[in-house]
Amino acid sequence: MRKPLTSLLPPAAAGAAFLAVWQGVHQSLSEDTRFLLPSPGAVGQAMLDHQATLVRATLNTAEGALAGFGLAVVVSTVISILLALSPWVRRAFYPYLMALQMTPLPVLAPICVIWVGAGLKSVALLTFVISFFPLVVNTTQGLVSTDRNLVELFQLYGARPWQKLLLLRAPAALPYFFTGLRIAATIAPIGAVVADMNAGSSAGDGGGLGFQAVIFASQARYAALFATAATTCLLGFALNALVLLVAWLCLRHWHDSYERSDR
């Protein structure tokens, strides 16, 4: 029995329980310290009060996140194919990919500002950096993990390298690719917000959620600051939902993880 798409989404009860615990912790604090953890109601009200500002900032952050995320998908796919075709290439270049991933964004941010200037280009470039590694690692692993018996069968029938890649290795790597895509979709909005804090620009209303969070923190508007964080989470959920939908459409008819409803 195939899993319906709704079975991949988190149950609403989990969200209600989280809000109940949040409200309980807020109530347990003393009146002098409750401002440090605004109640869910106060955060919701702040979202309404700053709706126009948060919408504008979300659109700016989403633009940078999607640009960097899309670039990471394209570049990681090409590089994964090159890494999968040659063990020597994997051994030679993998350490450099790890070094790129381990370099903190605040360190890379000034370099990006020097290279391309502050604003959307730097945010997109930094988002690309943080999204690239999980995509290339998972996709490469999928390409090199193809069933050896099937590879030998293709060789027996005289399949050309491009036929083995497109007709065998690429379909077999799709579950790995979508795993990396889900990870990248989760961290891309986070990377965009952090990048916006360090390399963003407010020129022409270009400030994103990261820039807005800095403003709210400097003004001690804690409910609005939490509202900004909640908006970032919603952006991440939206991007994840899009990836889940694409994965469900591509895998539901043949992959085992979508064939049973008890998983």
Protein backbone atom coordinates (compact mmCIF):
# COMPACT_ATOMS: atom_id res chain seq x y z
CA MET A 1 0.00 0.00 0.00
CA ARG A 2 1.44 3.35 -1.03
CA LYS A 3 1.95 6.08 1.53
CA PRO A 4 -0.23 9.15 0.96
CA LEU A 5 1.48 12.50 0.79
CA THR A 6 -0.20 13.63 4.03
CA SER A 7 1.53 10.82 5.93
CA LEU A 8 4.86 12.56 5.35
CA LEU A 9 3.77 15.72 7.18
CA PRO A 10 4.16 16.15 10.95
CA PRO A 11 0.93 15.64 12.92
CA ALA A 12 -0.85 18.72 14.21
CA ALA A 13 -0.88 17.22 17.72
CA ALA A 14 2.89 17.62 17.94
CA GLY A 15 2.60 21.33 17.21
CA ALA A 16 -0.17 21.76 19.77
CA ALA A 17 1.90 19.96 22.40
CA PHE A 18 4.90 22.17 21.66
CA LEU A 19 2.81 25.34 22.06
CA ALA A 20 1.34 23.98 25.32
CA VAL A 21 4.82 23.31 26.74
CA TRP A 22 5.98 26.73 25.59
CA GLN A 23 3.03 28.40 27.34
CA GLY A 24 3.68 26.35 30.47
CA VAL A 25 7.34 27.37 30.62
CA HIS A 26 6.34 31.00 30.09
CA GLN A 27 3.87 30.84 32.97
CA SER A 28 6.45 29.20 35.26
CA LEU A 29 8.80 32.17 34.95
CA SER A 30 8.67 35.04 37.36
CA GLU A 31 7.06 38.29 36.26
CA ASP A 32 10.48 39.93 36.12
CA THR A 33 11.86 37.41 33.63
CA ARG A 34 8.83 36.52 31.48
CA PHE A 35 9.84 39.09 28.90
CA LEU A 36 12.81 36.85 28.03
CA LEU A 37 10.42 34.16 26.77
CA PRO A 38 7.31 35.76 25.28
CA SER A 39 4.15 33.65 25.25
CA PRO A 40 2.92 32.12 21.98
CA GLY A 41 0.06 34.63 22.02
CA ALA A 42 2.47 37.56 22.32
CA VAL A 43 4.57 36.21 19.46
CA GLY A 44 1.46 35.77 17.32
CA GLN A 45 0.38 39.32 18.08
CA ALA A 46 3.85 40.60 17.18
CA MET A 47 3.59 38.80 13.85
CA LEU A 48 0.35 40.64 13.19
CA ASP A 49 1.72 43.99 14.36
CA HIS A 50 4.82 43.71 12.15
CA GLN A 51 3.12 41.85 9.33
CA ALA A 52 4.20 44.17 6.53
CA THR A 53 7.80 44.28 7.75
CA LEU A 54 8.03 40.51 8.17
CA VAL A 55 6.47 39.82 4.78
CA ARG A 56 8.95 42.12 3.05
CA ALA A 57 11.87 40.61 4.98
CA THR A 58 10.65 37.07 4.27
CA LEU A 59 10.46 37.73 0.54
CA ASN A 60 14.00 39.13 0.56
CA THR A 61 15.32 36.16 2.54
CA ALA A 62 13.41 33.68 0.38
CA GLU A 63 14.94 35.22 -2.74
CA GLY A 64 18.46 34.76 -1.42
CA ALA A 65 17.73 31.28 -0.03
CA LEU A 66 16.16 30.02 -3.25
CA ALA A 67 18.92 31.48 -5.40
CA GLY A 68 21.64 29.84 -3.32
CA PHE A 69 19.68 26.61 -2.95
CA GLY A 70 19.01 26.34 -6.68
CA LEU A 71 22.64 27.05 -7.52
CA ALA A 72 23.71 24.37 -5.03
CA VAL A 73 21.42 21.80 -6.65
CA VAL A 74 22.85 22.43 -10.12
CA VAL A 75 26.51 22.62 -9.15
CA SER A 76 26.36 19.67 -6.72
CA THR A 77 24.73 17.46 -9.36
CA VAL A 78 27.48 18.17 -11.89
CA ILE A 79 30.26 17.70 -9.34
CA SER A 80 28.65 14.52 -7.95
CA ILE A 81 28.69 12.96 -11.41
CA LEU A 82 32.39 13.79 -11.79
CA LEU A 83 33.18 12.40 -8.34
CA ALA A 84 31.20 9.23 -8.98
CA LEU A 85 32.93 8.49 -12.28
CA SER A 86 36.44 8.39 -10.81
CA PRO A 87 37.67 7.18 -7.37
CA TRP A 88 40.83 9.20 -7.94
CA VAL A 89 38.83 12.40 -8.38
CA ARG A 90 36.89 11.64 -5.16
CA ARG A 91 40.08 11.13 -3.15
CA ALA A 92 41.69 14.26 -4.63
CA PHE A 93 38.84 16.75 -4.20
CA TYR A 94 36.79 15.48 -1.23
CA PRO A 95 39.08 17.10 1.41
CA TYR A 96 38.60 20.49 -0.27
CA LEU A 97 34.82 20.07 -0.18
CA MET A 98 35.04 19.29 3.54
CA ALA A 99 37.22 22.35 4.12
CA LEU A 100 34.65 24.54 2.38
CA GLN A 101 31.85 23.14 4.56
CA MET A 102 33.81 23.51 7.81
CA THR A 103 34.60 27.20 7.23
CA PRO A 104 32.13 29.27 9.32
CA LEU A 105 29.80 31.62 7.46
CA PRO A 106 30.83 34.68 9.52
CA VAL A 107 34.38 34.11 8.26
CA LEU A 108 33.28 33.76 4.64
CA ALA A 109 30.88 36.72 4.80
CA PRO A 110 33.54 39.49 4.61
CA ILE A 111 35.18 37.68 1.69
CA CYS A 112 31.86 37.53 -0.17
CA VAL A 113 31.22 41.21 0.52
CA ILE A 114 34.64 42.07 -0.92
CA TRP A 115 34.06 39.90 -3.98
CA VAL A 116 30.44 40.63 -4.91
CA GLY A 117 29.32 43.37 -2.52
CA ALA A 118 26.83 43.34 0.33
CA GLY A 119 23.25 42.32 -0.34
CA LEU A 120 21.45 39.61 -2.28
CA LYS A 121 24.49 38.29 -4.15
CA SER A 122 26.44 37.68 -0.95
CA VAL A 123 23.42 36.11 0.78
CA ALA A 124 22.84 33.77 -2.17
CA LEU A 125 26.53 32.84 -2.34
CA LEU A 126 26.72 32.04 1.38
CA THR A 127 23.49 30.06 1.18
CA PHE A 128 25.03 28.10 -1.68
CA VAL A 129 28.06 27.27 0.47
CA ILE A 130 25.98 25.90 3.35
CA SER A 131 23.59 23.97 1.07
CA PHE A 132 26.17 22.50 -1.27
CA PHE A 133 27.89 19.90 0.92
CA PRO A 134 24.93 17.69 1.96
CA LEU A 135 23.75 17.63 -1.64
CA VAL A 136 27.05 16.60 -3.16
CA VAL A 137 27.81 14.01 -0.46
CA ASN A 138 24.42 12.29 -0.64
CA THR A 139 24.19 12.38 -4.44
CA THR A 140 27.71 11.00 -4.85
CA GLN A 141 26.99 8.24 -2.36
CA GLY A 142 23.86 7.31 -4.29
CA LEU A 143 25.69 7.22 -7.62
CA VAL A 144 28.45 4.93 -6.32
CA SER A 145 26.05 2.65 -4.37
CA THR A 146 24.27 1.23 -7.41
CA ASP A 147 23.68 -2.52 -7.26
CA ARG A 148 26.80 -4.19 -8.67
CA ASN A 149 24.75 -6.95 -10.28
CA LEU A 150 22.77 -4.41 -12.26
CA VAL A 151 25.96 -2.62 -13.30
CA GLU A 152 27.42 -5.91 -14.56
CA LEU A 153 24.15 -6.65 -16.37
CA PHE A 154 24.37 -3.33 -18.21
CA GLN A 155 27.99 -4.09 -19.09
CA LEU A 156 26.99 -7.54 -20.34
CA TYR A 157 24.55 -5.97 -22.77
CA GLY A 158 27.12 -3.47 -23.94
CA ALA A 159 25.59 -0.34 -22.43
CA ARG A 160 27.55 2.83 -22.96
CA PRO A 161 28.75 4.91 -19.99
CA TRP A 162 26.10 7.58 -20.50
CA GLN A 163 23.41 4.89 -20.66
CA LYS A 164 24.58 3.39 -17.36
CA LEU A 165 24.58 6.85 -15.82
CA LEU A 166 21.15 8.01 -17.04
CA LEU A 167 19.26 4.69 -17.00
CA LEU A 168 20.79 2.99 -13.96
CA ARG A 169 22.91 5.10 -11.63
CA ALA A 170 20.80 8.27 -11.71
CA PRO A 171 17.48 6.55 -10.85
CA ALA A 172 19.19 4.50 -8.13
CA ALA A 173 20.66 7.70 -6.65
CA LEU A 174 17.35 9.59 -6.51
CA PRO A 175 16.49 8.58 -2.89
CA TYR A 176 19.96 9.71 -1.77
CA PHE A 177 19.59 12.92 -3.77
CA PHE A 178 16.27 13.75 -2.15
CA THR A 179 17.71 13.02 1.29
CA GLY A 180 20.42 15.58 0.64
CA LEU A 181 17.80 17.92 -0.81
CA ARG A 182 15.74 17.76 2.38
CA ILE A 183 18.79 18.53 4.51
CA ALA A 184 19.76 21.42 2.25
CA ALA A 185 16.18 22.74 2.23
CA THR A 186 16.24 22.78 6.04
CA ILE A 187 19.50 24.66 6.41
CA ALA A 188 19.18 26.98 3.39
CA PRO A 189 16.82 29.47 5.15
CA ILE A 190 19.06 29.34 8.22
CA GLY A 191 22.09 30.06 6.07
CA ALA A 192 20.27 32.91 4.35
CA VAL A 193 19.34 34.49 7.69
CA VAL A 194 22.88 34.18 9.08
CA ALA A 195 24.27 35.50 5.80
CA ASP A 196 21.86 38.42 5.94
CA MET A 197 23.13 39.27 9.43
CA ASN A 198 26.73 39.31 8.25
CA ALA A 199 26.62 40.32 4.59
CA GLY A 200 23.12 41.63 3.94
CA SER A 201 22.10 45.13 3.01
CA SER A 202 18.97 47.15 3.75
CA ALA A 203 19.39 49.37 0.70
CA GLY A 204 16.15 49.65 -1.25
CA ASP A 205 14.21 47.67 1.37
CA GLY A 206 16.54 44.74 0.71
CA GLY A 207 16.97 43.72 4.34
CA GLY A 208 15.93 40.16 5.13
CA LEU A 209 14.90 38.33 8.27
CA GLY A 210 18.45 38.32 9.62
CA PHE A 211 18.75 42.08 9.30
CA GLN A 212 15.32 42.49 10.88
CA ALA A 213 16.29 40.21 13.78
CA VAL A 214 19.29 42.42 14.51
CA ILE A 215 17.03 45.50 14.59
CA PHE A 216 14.47 43.89 16.92
CA ALA A 217 17.22 42.62 19.25
CA SER A 218 18.83 46.07 19.45
CA GLN A 219 15.42 47.55 20.33
CA ALA A 220 14.69 44.84 22.95
CA ARG A 221 11.49 43.85 21.13
CA TYR A 222 11.66 40.23 22.22
CA ALA A 223 8.21 39.20 21.02
CA ALA A 224 9.00 40.59 17.57
CA LEU A 225 12.38 38.83 17.67
CA PHE A 226 10.64 35.51 18.37
CA ALA A 227 8.17 36.31 15.61
CA THR A 228 11.10 36.71 13.22
CA ALA A 229 12.45 33.32 14.31
CA ALA A 230 9.01 31.75 13.84
CA THR A 231 8.78 33.27 10.36
CA THR A 232 12.15 31.75 9.49
CA CYS A 233 10.85 28.35 10.63
CA LEU A 234 7.77 28.76 8.44
CA LEU A 235 9.99 29.56 5.48
CA GLY A 236 12.00 26.41 6.16
CA PHE A 237 8.82 24.33 6.44
CA ALA A 238 7.56 25.72 3.13
CA LEU A 239 10.79 24.83 1.33
CA ASN A 240 10.79 21.38 2.93
CA ALA A 241 7.17 20.82 1.88
CA LEU A 242 8.11 21.65 -1.70
CA VAL A 243 10.97 19.13 -1.61
CA LEU A 244 8.70 16.48 -0.06
CA LEU A 245 6.15 17.02 -2.79
CA VAL A 246 8.74 16.62 -5.55
CA ALA A 247 10.22 13.53 -3.87
CA TRP A 248 6.76 12.01 -3.46
CA LEU A 249 5.95 12.60 -7.13
CA CYS A 250 9.26 11.07 -8.28
CA LEU A 251 9.50 8.06 -5.95
CA ARG A 252 6.00 7.04 -4.91
CA HIS A 253 5.45 4.55 -7.74
CA TRP A 254 8.58 2.48 -7.30
CA HIS A 255 10.68 3.17 -4.19
CA ASP A 256 10.18 1.00 -1.09
CA SER A 257 9.94 3.95 1.32
CA TYR A 258 6.72 5.05 -0.43
CA GLU A 259 5.19 1.62 -0.93
CA ARG A 260 4.12 0.84 2.64
CA SER A 261 1.86 2.84 4.91
CA ASP A 262 3.30 1.45 8.17
CA ARG A 263 6.65 3.22 7.90
